[in-house]
C-alpha atoms as a PDB file:
ATOM      1  CA  UNK A   1       3.330 -19.323  10.552  1.00  0.00           C
ATOM      2  CA  UNK A   2       3.799 -19.375   6.771  1.00  0.00           C
ATOM      3  CA  UNK A   3       1.663 -19.275   3.628  1.00  0.00           C
ATOM      4  CA  UNK A   4       1.462 -23.061   3.948  1.00  0.00           C
ATOM      5  CA  UNK A   5      -0.949 -22.612   6.868  1.00  0.00           C
ATOM      6  CA  UNK A   6      -3.676 -21.223   4.585  1.00  0.00           C
ATOM      7  CA  UNK A   7      -6.406 -22.942   2.643  1.00  0.00           C
ATOM      8  CA  UNK A   8      -7.939 -21.047  -0.268  1.00  0.00           C
ATOM      9  CA  UNK A   9     -10.610 -21.797  -2.846  1.00  0.00           C
ATOM     10  CA  UNK A  10      -9.687 -22.497  -6.441  1.00  0.00           C
ATOM     11  CA  UNK A  11     -11.723 -20.990  -9.258  1.00  0.00           C
ATOM     12  CA  UNK A  12     -14.092 -23.966  -9.139  1.00  0.00           C
ATOM     13  CA  UNK A  13     -14.816 -23.500  -5.415  1.00  0.00           C
ATOM     14  CA  UNK A  14     -12.636 -26.381  -4.185  1.00  0.00           C
ATOM     15  CA  UNK A  15     -10.451 -26.042  -1.094  1.00  0.00           C
ATOM     16  CA  UNK A  16      -6.738 -25.955  -1.842  1.00  0.00           C
ATOM     17  CA  UNK A  17      -4.189 -26.132   0.954  1.00  0.00           C
ATOM     18  CA  UNK A  18      -1.215 -23.962   0.168  1.00  0.00           C
ATOM     19  CA  UNK A  19       0.861 -26.673   1.865  1.00  0.00           C
ATOM     20  CA  UNK A  20       0.463 -28.451  -1.495  1.00  0.00           C
ATOM     21  CA  UNK A  21       3.094 -25.975  -2.718  1.00  0.00           C
ATOM     22  CA  UNK A  22       5.722 -26.774  -0.053  1.00  0.00           C
ATOM     23  CA  UNK A  23       9.221 -26.571  -1.447  1.00  0.00           C
ATOM     24  CA  UNK A  24       8.213 -24.312  -4.345  1.00  0.00           C
ATOM     25  CA  UNK A  25       8.955 -20.656  -4.954  1.00  0.00           C
ATOM     26  CA  UNK A  26       5.625 -18.838  -5.272  1.00  0.00           C
ATOM     27  CA  UNK A  27       4.528 -15.564  -6.786  1.00  0.00           C
ATOM     28  CA  UNK A  28       1.117 -14.581  -5.413  1.00  0.00           C
ATOM     29  CA  UNK A  29      -0.652 -11.934  -7.515  1.00  0.00           C
ATOM     30  CA  UNK A  30      -4.021 -10.175  -7.314  1.00  0.00           C
ATOM     31  CA  UNK A  31      -5.200  -9.732 -10.888  1.00  0.00           C
ATOM     32  CA  UNK A  32      -7.909  -8.219 -13.066  1.00  0.00           C
ATOM     33  CA  UNK A  33      -9.031  -8.786 -16.634  1.00  0.00           C
ATOM     34  CA  UNK A  34     -10.110  -5.231 -17.479  1.00  0.00           C
ATOM     35  CA  UNK A  35      -7.210  -3.251 -16.064  1.00  0.00           C
ATOM     36  CA  UNK A  36      -4.526  -1.203 -17.758  1.00  0.00           C
ATOM     37  CA  UNK A  37      -2.064  -3.693 -16.240  1.00  0.00           C
ATOM     38  CA  UNK A  38      -3.882  -6.783 -17.581  1.00  0.00           C
ATOM     39  CA  UNK A  39      -1.219  -7.273 -20.290  1.00  0.00           C
ATOM     40  CA  UNK A  40       1.085  -8.309 -17.409  1.00  0.00           C
ATOM     41  CA  UNK A  41      -0.565 -11.717 -17.788  1.00  0.00           C
ATOM     42  CA  UNK A  42       1.740 -12.225 -20.777  1.00  0.00           C
ATOM     43  CA  UNK A  43       4.841 -11.526 -18.688  1.00  0.00           C
ATOM     44  CA  UNK A  44       3.558 -13.697 -15.856  1.00  0.00           C
ATOM     45  CA  UNK A  45       2.993 -16.596 -18.248  1.00  0.00           C
ATOM     46  CA  UNK A  46       6.510 -16.118 -19.648  1.00  0.00           C
ATOM     47  CA  UNK A  47       7.934 -16.396 -16.111  1.00  0.00           C
ATOM     48  CA  UNK A  48       5.791 -19.438 -15.440  1.00  0.00           C
ATOM     49  CA  UNK A  49       6.942 -21.203 -18.603  1.00  0.00           C
ATOM     50  CA  UNK A  50      10.582 -20.365 -17.951  1.00  0.00           C
ATOM     51  CA  UNK A  51      10.753 -21.409 -14.285  1.00  0.00           C
ATOM     52  CA  UNK A  52       7.881 -23.805 -13.630  1.00  0.00           C
ATOM     53  CA  UNK A  53      10.019 -26.906 -14.212  1.00  0.00           C
ATOM     54  CA  UNK A  54      12.492 -25.540 -11.654  1.00  0.00           C
ATOM     55  CA  UNK A  55       9.920 -25.373  -8.844  1.00  0.00           C
ATOM     56  CA  UNK A  56       8.197 -22.035  -9.486  1.00  0.00           C
ATOM     57  CA  UNK A  57       4.446 -21.428  -9.267  1.00  0.00           C
ATOM     58  CA  UNK A  58       2.256 -18.395  -9.825  1.00  0.00           C
ATOM     59  CA  UNK A  59      -0.955 -18.207  -7.806  1.00  0.00           C
ATOM     60  CA  UNK A  60      -3.501 -15.920  -9.463  1.00  0.00           C
ATOM     61  CA  UNK A  61      -6.162 -14.316  -7.258  1.00  0.00           C
ATOM     62  CA  UNK A  62      -8.605 -12.183  -9.274  1.00  0.00           C
ATOM     63  CA  UNK A  63      -9.721  -9.090  -7.384  1.00  0.00           C
ATOM     64  CA  UNK A  64     -12.670  -6.881  -8.301  1.00  0.00           C
ATOM     65  CA  UNK A  65     -11.960  -4.267  -5.601  1.00  0.00           C
ATOM     66  CA  UNK A  66     -10.225  -1.734  -7.832  1.00  0.00           C
ATOM     67  CA  UNK A  67     -12.692   0.026 -10.149  1.00  0.00           C
ATOM     68  CA  UNK A  68     -14.509  -3.304 -10.682  1.00  0.00           C
ATOM     69  CA  UNK A  69     -11.843  -4.419 -13.143  1.00  0.00           C
ATOM     70  CA  UNK A  70     -12.340  -8.172 -12.592  1.00  0.00           C
ATOM     71  CA  UNK A  71     -16.001  -8.553 -13.545  1.00  0.00           C
ATOM     72  CA  UNK A  72     -17.709 -11.796 -14.404  1.00  0.00           C
ATOM     73  CA  UNK A  73     -17.713 -15.320 -13.133  1.00  0.00           C
ATOM     74  CA  UNK A  74     -14.659 -17.415 -12.349  1.00  0.00           C
ATOM     75  CA  UNK A  75     -15.307 -19.297 -15.589  1.00  0.00           C
ATOM     76  CA  UNK A  76     -15.385 -16.078 -17.653  1.00  0.00           C
ATOM     77  CA  UNK A  77     -12.167 -14.853 -16.045  1.00  0.00           C
ATOM     78  CA  UNK A  78     -10.461 -18.202 -16.621  1.00  0.00           C
ATOM     79  CA  UNK A  79     -11.603 -18.330 -20.251  1.00  0.00           C
ATOM     80  CA  UNK A  80     -10.353 -14.793 -20.869  1.00  0.00           C
ATOM     81  CA  UNK A  81      -6.925 -15.512 -19.373  1.00  0.00           C
ATOM     82  CA  UNK A  82      -6.562 -18.840 -21.136  1.00  0.00           C
ATOM     83  CA  UNK A  83      -7.726 -17.674 -24.551  1.00  0.00           C
ATOM     84  CA  UNK A  84      -6.169 -14.205 -24.570  1.00  0.00           C
ATOM     85  CA  UNK A  85      -2.893 -14.877 -22.742  1.00  0.00           C
ATOM     86  CA  UNK A  86      -2.628 -18.684 -22.830  1.00  0.00           C
ATOM     87  CA  UNK A  87      -2.056 -18.786 -19.071  1.00  0.00           C
ATOM     88  CA  UNK A  88      -1.441 -22.157 -17.475  1.00  0.00           C
ATOM     89  CA  UNK A  89      -0.776 -21.204 -13.856  1.00  0.00           C
ATOM     90  CA  UNK A  90      -3.431 -21.882 -11.188  1.00  0.00           C
ATOM     91  CA  UNK A  91      -6.248 -19.403 -10.764  1.00  0.00           C
ATOM     92  CA  UNK A  92      -8.245 -19.078  -7.572  1.00  0.00           C
ATOM     93  CA  UNK A  93     -11.577 -17.544  -6.623  1.00  0.00           C
ATOM     94  CA  UNK A  94     -12.068 -13.788  -6.568  1.00  0.00           C
ATOM     95  CA  UNK A  95     -10.939 -12.263  -3.298  1.00  0.00           C
ATOM     96  CA  UNK A  96     -10.683  -8.950  -1.469  1.00  0.00           C
ATOM     97  CA  UNK A  97      -7.204  -7.702  -0.627  1.00  0.00           C
ATOM     98  CA  UNK A  98      -8.080  -4.597   1.423  1.00  0.00           C
ATOM     99  CA  UNK A  99     -10.668  -3.548   3.945  1.00  0.00           C
ATOM    100  CA  UNK A 100     -12.899  -5.366   6.378  1.00  0.00           C
ATOM    101  CA  UNK A 101     -13.325  -8.430   4.140  1.00  0.00           C
ATOM    102  CA  UNK A 102      -9.655  -8.915   3.283  1.00  0.00           C
ATOM    103  CA  UNK A 103      -8.921 -12.580   2.581  1.00  0.00           C
ATOM    104  CA  UNK A 104      -6.930 -14.173   5.449  1.00  0.00           C
ATOM    105  CA  UNK A 105      -4.037 -14.985   3.095  1.00  0.00           C
ATOM    106  CA  UNK A 106      -3.756 -11.335   2.109  1.00  0.00           C
ATOM    107  CA  UNK A 107      -3.950 -10.188   5.729  1.00  0.00           C
ATOM    108  CA  UNK A 108      -0.945 -12.411   6.368  1.00  0.00           C
ATOM    109  CA  UNK A 109       0.938 -11.229   3.262  1.00  0.00           C
ATOM    110  CA  UNK A 110       0.418  -7.586   4.251  1.00  0.00           C
ATOM    111  CA  UNK A 111       1.504  -8.309   7.835  1.00  0.00           C
ATOM    112  CA  UNK A 112       4.758  -9.718   6.468  1.00  0.00           C
ATOM    113  CA  UNK A 113       5.348  -6.919   3.941  1.00  0.00           C
ATOM    114  CA  UNK A 114       3.231  -4.041   5.283  1.00  0.00           C
ATOM    115  CA  UNK A 115       1.154  -1.665   3.277  1.00  0.00           C
ATOM    116  CA  UNK A 116      -2.196  -1.396   1.608  1.00  0.00           C
ATOM    117  CA  UNK A 117      -2.523  -3.066  -1.780  1.00  0.00           C
ATOM    118  CA  UNK A 118      -2.635  -0.098  -4.135  1.00  0.00           C
ATOM    119  CA  UNK A 119      -4.035  -1.755  -7.269  1.00  0.00           C
ATOM    120  CA  UNK A 120      -4.299  -4.958  -9.231  1.00  0.00           C
ATOM    121  CA  UNK A 121      -1.131  -6.921 -10.005  1.00  0.00           C
ATOM    122  CA  UNK A 122       0.590  -6.413  -6.653  1.00  0.00           C
ATOM    123  CA  UNK A 123       3.035  -9.315  -6.338  1.00  0.00           C
ATOM    124  CA  UNK A 124       4.384 -11.224  -3.331  1.00  0.00           C
ATOM    125  CA  UNK A 125       7.389 -13.525  -3.682  1.00  0.00           C
ATOM    126  CA  UNK A 126       7.418 -16.525  -1.350  1.00  0.00           C
ATOM    127  CA  UNK A 127      10.495 -18.689  -0.696  1.00  0.00           C
ATOM    128  CA  UNK A 128      10.613 -22.497  -0.640  1.00  0.00           C
ATOM    129  CA  UNK A 129       9.852 -22.474   3.098  1.00  0.00           C
ATOM    130  CA  UNK A 130       6.654 -20.449   2.715  1.00  0.00           C
ATOM    131  CA  UNK A 131       8.107 -17.124   3.896  1.00  0.00           C
ATOM    132  CA  UNK A 132       7.233 -13.825   2.238  1.00  0.00           C
ATOM    133  CA  UNK A 133      10.579 -12.513   0.988  1.00  0.00           C
ATOM    134  CA  UNK A 134       9.600  -9.629  -1.261  1.00  0.00           C
ATOM    135  CA  UNK A 135       6.731  -7.455  -2.433  1.00  0.00           C
ATOM    136  CA  UNK A 136       6.486  -5.746  -5.788  1.00  0.00           C
ATOM    137  CA  UNK A 137       4.263  -2.839  -6.788  1.00  0.00           C
ATOM    138  CA  UNK A 138       1.563  -3.350  -9.413  1.00  0.00           C
ATOM    139  CA  UNK A 139       3.555  -1.220 -11.859  1.00  0.00           C
ATOM    140  CA  UNK A 140       6.566  -3.560 -11.677  1.00  0.00           C
ATOM    141  CA  UNK A 141       6.506  -5.649 -14.806  1.00  0.00           C
ATOM    142  CA  UNK A 142       6.941  -9.401 -14.352  1.00  0.00           C
ATOM    143  CA  UNK A 143      10.189  -9.444 -16.342  1.00  0.00           C
ATOM    144  CA  UNK A 144      11.817  -7.223 -13.690  1.00  0.00           C
ATOM    145  CA  UNK A 145      11.363 -10.020 -11.125  1.00  0.00           C
ATOM    146  CA  UNK A 146      13.733 -12.470 -12.850  1.00  0.00           C
ATOM    147  CA  UNK A 147      16.748 -11.945 -10.575  1.00  0.00           C
ATOM    148  CA  UNK A 148      14.600 -12.186  -7.423  1.00  0.00           C
ATOM    149  CA  UNK A 149      12.953 -15.389  -8.632  1.00  0.00           C
ATOM    150  CA  UNK A 150      16.274 -16.902  -9.690  1.00  0.00           C
ATOM    151  CA  UNK A 151      17.788 -16.059  -6.303  1.00  0.00           C
ATOM    152  CA  UNK A 152      14.971 -17.952  -4.553  1.00  0.00           C
ATOM    153  CA  UNK A 153      15.339 -20.888  -6.929  1.00  0.00           C
ATOM    154  CA  UNK A 154      19.061 -21.017  -6.073  1.00  0.00           C
ATOM    155  CA  UNK A 155      20.301 -20.109  -9.534  1.00  0.00           C
END
């Protein structure tokens, strides 16, 4: 099993098979727009711009489970991220990352790199074969992931 076996909903409610990302290095992140860590969107976009042409994707999953810090509709969240941080990476529907209603993708991610998601902006690095190779705490700034991303890209 790999992340490619999952289908998720984009922020418009359409099914997206993660197999569409085969051969790419992925960073899967649960995010929030009203969090002390929200400025990490800037660092994430910098990574995306730097490595996207080399086969890198960021998959953004808003999560309202932590102090309700991702309020509003998918459209409001997308507008905020686009206008405030000029993000261009794909955004998906709001999900739950802990508890009884944990999204199947996040159950799998946590099985591969165990532990409860502590807050918004937890990051999972996925290799080109769809395997979870690393997990980063919410407090880890995106710029600290450069060497890990480059290693997966073969640089």
